[in-house]
């Protein structure tokens, strides 16, 4: 089963001092070795990871890059395509969700047949499902 981790989950894995990191890290460690699971994150989040960790959290820039590289070796980065934009825009104009960026990530996940989207985002959790993707908290 393909599982996409939201940016907030990946940030929890990269910075364990975040308030939600304990739950995210425990969930990931409990599931990462399951051979039935393939883990992904949006590669488009990499700039967000770098910015949040270096500018907001004041982590060392070189250490941050090495941590992102290690994350990318364990969890596959998946990138947004133009068709994902088109699908997300349609869902946005149909009032499926107020957050276009989240719809863009979900559209991208749908393209590669992700079945589970793991997030701490309350608005996405209220959505519960996007196409064939179940949205869950770790």
Protein backbone atom coordinates (compact mmCIF):
# COMPACT_ATOMS: atom_id res chain seq x y z
CA UNK A 1 0.00 0.00 0.00
CA UNK A 2 1.29 3.46 -0.89
CA UNK A 3 1.29 5.98 1.95
CA UNK A 4 1.96 9.70 1.53
CA UNK A 5 3.23 11.65 4.52
CA UNK A 6 2.15 15.28 4.76
CA UNK A 7 4.74 18.02 5.27
CA UNK A 8 3.83 18.31 8.95
CA UNK A 9 4.58 14.62 9.52
CA UNK A 10 7.94 14.88 7.74
CA UNK A 11 8.81 17.98 9.75
CA UNK A 12 8.01 16.00 12.89
CA UNK A 13 10.46 13.32 11.75
CA UNK A 14 13.12 15.93 10.97
CA UNK A 15 12.64 18.00 14.15
CA UNK A 16 11.62 15.96 17.16
CA UNK A 17 11.18 19.06 19.33
CA UNK A 18 7.90 19.89 17.59
CA UNK A 19 4.74 19.35 19.73
CA UNK A 20 3.29 16.67 17.43
CA UNK A 21 6.55 14.87 16.72
CA UNK A 22 6.32 12.17 19.40
CA UNK A 23 3.13 10.70 17.93
CA UNK A 24 4.39 11.02 14.34
CA UNK A 25 7.76 9.44 15.09
CA UNK A 26 6.18 6.57 17.06
CA UNK A 27 3.69 5.90 14.25
CA UNK A 28 6.38 5.96 11.57
CA UNK A 29 8.77 3.71 13.51
CA UNK A 30 5.94 1.23 14.13
CA UNK A 31 5.10 1.07 10.40
CA UNK A 32 8.28 1.77 8.41
CA UNK A 33 9.46 -1.84 8.24
CA UNK A 34 6.13 -3.23 7.06
CA UNK A 35 6.95 -4.70 3.64
CA UNK A 36 3.39 -4.04 2.46
CA UNK A 37 3.90 -0.27 2.80
CA UNK A 38 5.64 2.15 0.44
CA UNK A 39 6.22 5.59 1.92
CA UNK A 40 6.25 8.84 -0.06
CA UNK A 41 6.34 12.56 0.60
CA UNK A 42 5.87 15.39 -1.85
CA UNK A 43 9.31 16.38 -3.10
CA UNK A 44 7.83 19.83 -3.52
CA UNK A 45 7.94 20.07 0.30
CA UNK A 46 11.75 20.12 0.35
CA UNK A 47 11.92 23.92 0.15
CA UNK A 48 9.36 24.13 2.97
CA UNK A 49 11.40 21.73 5.13
CA UNK A 50 14.55 23.75 4.57
CA UNK A 51 12.87 27.09 5.26
CA UNK A 52 11.03 25.98 8.40
CA UNK A 53 14.01 24.17 9.87
CA UNK A 54 16.64 26.83 9.14
CA UNK A 55 14.71 30.10 9.31
CA UNK A 56 11.95 29.37 11.82
CA UNK A 57 13.55 26.67 13.98
CA UNK A 58 17.14 27.97 13.56
CA UNK A 59 18.71 24.59 12.73
CA UNK A 60 22.12 24.51 11.07
CA UNK A 61 21.75 24.69 7.26
CA UNK A 62 24.24 21.91 6.45
CA UNK A 63 22.80 19.58 9.07
CA UNK A 64 19.32 20.35 7.71
CA UNK A 65 20.35 19.43 4.17
CA UNK A 66 21.85 16.17 5.40
CA UNK A 67 18.67 15.37 7.34
CA UNK A 68 16.50 16.06 4.28
CA UNK A 69 18.81 13.88 2.19
CA UNK A 70 18.48 11.04 4.73
CA UNK A 71 14.69 11.43 4.72
CA UNK A 72 14.71 11.27 0.91
CA UNK A 73 16.67 8.03 0.98
CA UNK A 74 14.15 6.38 3.29
CA UNK A 75 10.91 7.97 2.08
CA UNK A 76 10.50 8.45 -1.68
CA UNK A 77 10.00 12.02 -2.88
CA UNK A 78 7.12 12.30 -5.34
CA UNK A 79 6.73 15.43 -7.45
CA UNK A 80 3.71 17.42 -8.61
CA UNK A 81 2.84 17.37 -12.33
CA UNK A 82 0.83 19.94 -14.26
CA UNK A 83 -2.19 17.62 -14.46
CA UNK A 84 -2.24 17.57 -10.66
CA UNK A 85 -2.65 21.35 -10.75
CA UNK A 86 -5.58 21.05 -13.15
CA UNK A 87 -7.32 18.43 -11.01
CA UNK A 88 -6.72 20.36 -7.79
CA UNK A 89 -8.03 23.57 -9.34
CA UNK A 90 -11.23 21.80 -10.35
CA UNK A 91 -11.69 20.37 -6.85
CA UNK A 92 -11.00 23.81 -5.37
CA UNK A 93 -13.61 25.51 -7.56
CA UNK A 94 -16.05 22.75 -6.63
CA UNK A 95 -15.50 23.74 -2.97
CA UNK A 96 -14.14 20.35 -1.93
CA UNK A 97 -11.58 22.02 0.35
CA UNK A 98 -10.56 25.61 1.05
CA UNK A 99 -6.82 24.87 0.91
CA UNK A 100 -5.65 24.67 -2.69
CA UNK A 101 -2.16 23.51 -1.70
CA UNK A 102 -3.59 20.50 0.13
CA UNK A 103 -5.74 19.64 -2.88
CA UNK A 104 -2.64 19.85 -5.07
CA UNK A 105 -0.78 17.36 -2.88
CA UNK A 106 -3.80 15.04 -2.75
CA UNK A 107 -4.24 15.20 -6.53
CA UNK A 108 -0.59 14.31 -6.94
CA UNK A 109 -0.98 11.43 -4.50
CA UNK A 110 -4.01 10.15 -6.37
CA UNK A 111 -2.00 10.02 -9.60
CA UNK A 112 0.37 7.43 -8.10
CA UNK A 113 -2.44 5.48 -6.43
CA UNK A 114 -1.71 6.43 -2.81
CA UNK A 115 -4.24 4.80 -0.46
CA UNK A 116 -3.36 6.54 2.82
CA UNK A 117 -2.46 10.18 3.50
CA UNK A 118 -1.04 10.75 6.98
CA UNK A 119 -1.37 14.26 8.40
CA UNK A 120 -1.89 16.34 11.50
CA UNK A 121 -3.86 18.95 9.52
CA UNK A 122 -7.29 19.26 11.18
CA UNK A 123 -9.04 20.54 8.05
CA UNK A 124 -7.76 17.62 5.99
CA UNK A 125 -8.67 15.16 8.71
CA UNK A 126 -12.23 16.53 8.61
CA UNK A 127 -12.29 15.87 4.86
CA UNK A 128 -11.57 12.22 5.74
CA UNK A 129 -11.19 11.02 2.18
CA UNK A 130 -10.10 12.33 -1.21
CA UNK A 131 -11.02 10.12 -4.13
CA UNK A 132 -9.60 6.71 -3.06
CA UNK A 133 -7.24 8.16 -0.45
CA UNK A 134 -8.08 7.80 3.23
CA UNK A 135 -6.85 10.76 5.29
CA UNK A 136 -5.69 9.78 8.78
CA UNK A 137 -3.75 11.05 11.79
CA UNK A 138 -0.66 9.06 12.82
